[in-house]
Protein backbone atom coordinates (compact mmCIF):
# COMPACT_ATOMS: atom_id res chain seq x y z
CA MET A 1 97.88 106.39 85.99
CA GLU A 2 95.10 106.18 83.49
CA LYS A 3 94.11 109.61 82.23
CA PRO A 4 92.20 111.68 82.77
CA TYR A 5 92.06 111.66 86.56
CA TYR A 6 91.69 114.31 89.24
CA ALA A 7 94.14 116.03 91.57
CA VAL A 8 93.06 117.69 94.81
CA ILE A 9 95.69 120.27 95.73
CA PHE A 10 95.59 121.27 99.40
CA THR A 11 97.87 124.24 100.12
CA SER A 12 98.17 125.45 103.72
CA THR A 13 100.00 127.34 106.41
CA ARG A 14 100.09 125.81 109.87
CA THR A 15 99.67 127.21 113.34
CA GLU A 16 102.48 126.75 115.88
CA GLY A 17 103.14 123.31 117.38
CA ASP A 18 102.07 119.83 116.35
CA ASN A 19 99.05 119.47 118.64
CA GLY A 20 98.28 116.00 117.29
CA TYR A 21 98.55 117.06 113.63
CA GLY A 22 101.20 114.51 112.62
CA GLU A 23 99.23 111.57 113.93
CA MET A 24 95.99 112.77 112.33
CA ALA A 25 97.71 113.40 108.99
CA TYR A 26 99.04 109.84 109.06
CA ASP A 27 95.62 108.45 109.99
CA MET A 28 93.93 110.40 107.17
CA GLU A 29 96.42 109.08 104.62
CA VAL A 30 95.80 105.49 105.75
CA LEU A 31 92.04 106.08 105.60
CA ALA A 32 92.16 107.78 102.17
CA LYS A 33 94.05 104.81 100.73
CA LYS A 34 91.01 102.65 101.58
CA GLU A 35 88.57 104.94 99.73
CA GLN A 36 87.10 103.80 96.44
CA GLY A 37 88.76 105.76 93.61
CA PHE A 38 91.90 106.80 95.54
CA ILE A 39 95.02 106.70 93.35
CA GLY A 40 97.85 108.23 95.39
CA ILE A 41 99.21 111.12 97.44
CA GLU A 42 102.27 113.41 97.51
CA SER A 43 103.10 115.94 100.22
CA ALA A 44 105.75 118.51 101.13
CA ARG A 45 105.95 121.07 103.91
CA GLU A 46 108.18 124.05 104.59
CA GLU A 47 106.63 127.44 105.32
CA VAL A 48 103.73 126.42 103.09
CA GLY A 49 102.49 122.85 102.94
CA ILE A 50 101.26 121.26 99.73
CA THR A 51 99.47 117.92 99.64
CA VAL A 52 98.18 116.57 96.36
CA SER A 53 95.88 113.58 96.36
CA TYR A 54 94.88 111.81 93.15
CA TRP A 55 91.43 110.38 92.44
CA GLU A 56 89.70 108.51 89.64
CA THR A 57 86.49 110.58 89.67
CA LEU A 58 84.83 113.66 91.13
CA ALA A 59 82.40 111.30 92.88
CA ALA A 60 85.34 109.68 94.71
CA ILE A 61 86.54 113.12 95.84
CA THR A 62 83.04 113.99 97.09
CA SER A 63 82.81 110.70 98.96
CA TRP A 64 86.17 111.35 100.66
CA LYS A 65 85.15 114.89 101.61
CA LYS A 66 82.02 113.48 103.31
CA ASN A 67 83.84 110.67 105.17
CA MET A 68 82.97 111.26 108.83
CA ASP A 69 86.53 110.77 110.12
CA HIS A 70 87.76 113.16 107.43
CA VAL A 71 85.05 115.69 108.38
CA PHE A 72 86.25 115.48 112.00
CA ALA A 73 89.85 116.13 110.85
CA GLN A 74 88.72 119.04 108.65
CA ASN A 75 86.93 120.69 111.57
CA LYS A 76 89.91 120.19 113.86
CA GLY A 77 92.17 121.63 111.18
CA GLN A 78 90.10 124.80 110.96
CA LYS A 79 90.08 125.19 114.75
CA GLU A 80 93.64 124.15 115.64
CA TRP A 81 96.11 123.35 112.85
CA TYR A 82 95.73 125.80 109.99
CA SER A 83 95.94 129.57 109.84
CA TRP A 84 95.08 129.40 106.11
CA TYR A 85 94.34 126.84 103.43
CA LYS A 86 93.09 126.58 99.88
CA VAL A 87 91.77 123.55 98.00
CA ARG A 88 91.95 123.23 94.23
CA ILE A 89 90.42 120.37 92.25
CA CYS A 90 91.97 119.85 88.83
CA LEU A 91 91.50 117.47 85.92
CA VAL A 92 94.81 115.88 84.89
CA GLU A 93 94.80 115.21 81.18
CA ARG A 94 98.52 114.79 80.58
CA GLU A 95 101.65 114.06 82.61
CA TYR A 96 105.34 113.44 82.08
CA GLU A 97 108.37 113.00 84.31
CA PHE A 98 112.15 112.96 84.42
CA ASN A 99 113.92 110.33 86.50
CA THR A 100 117.63 109.48 86.53
CA LEU A 101 117.05 106.61 88.95
CA THR A 102 115.41 104.19 86.51
CA PRO A 103 117.03 102.79 83.36
């Protein structure tokens, strides 16, 4: 990825049961991938869920936050799916990785 870029870190704890969450999460990922400035996404969930989405600009993040389908999902999340969440927006200036799977 060309640097710098932005990471939106969404950390959350869920309420009990799926209640349509899995399907909506999938739909939001498909929709986000169509947004101008979207770079990628990574997600993991145990007791605490962490989803990090990557964006080219702050304007792209703002546009995604205002997407009407995303606004609907956000509202539903506050009412049904999350007992707590926090969003952090960070500028990524440097990255490195370790990978034994590639030569």
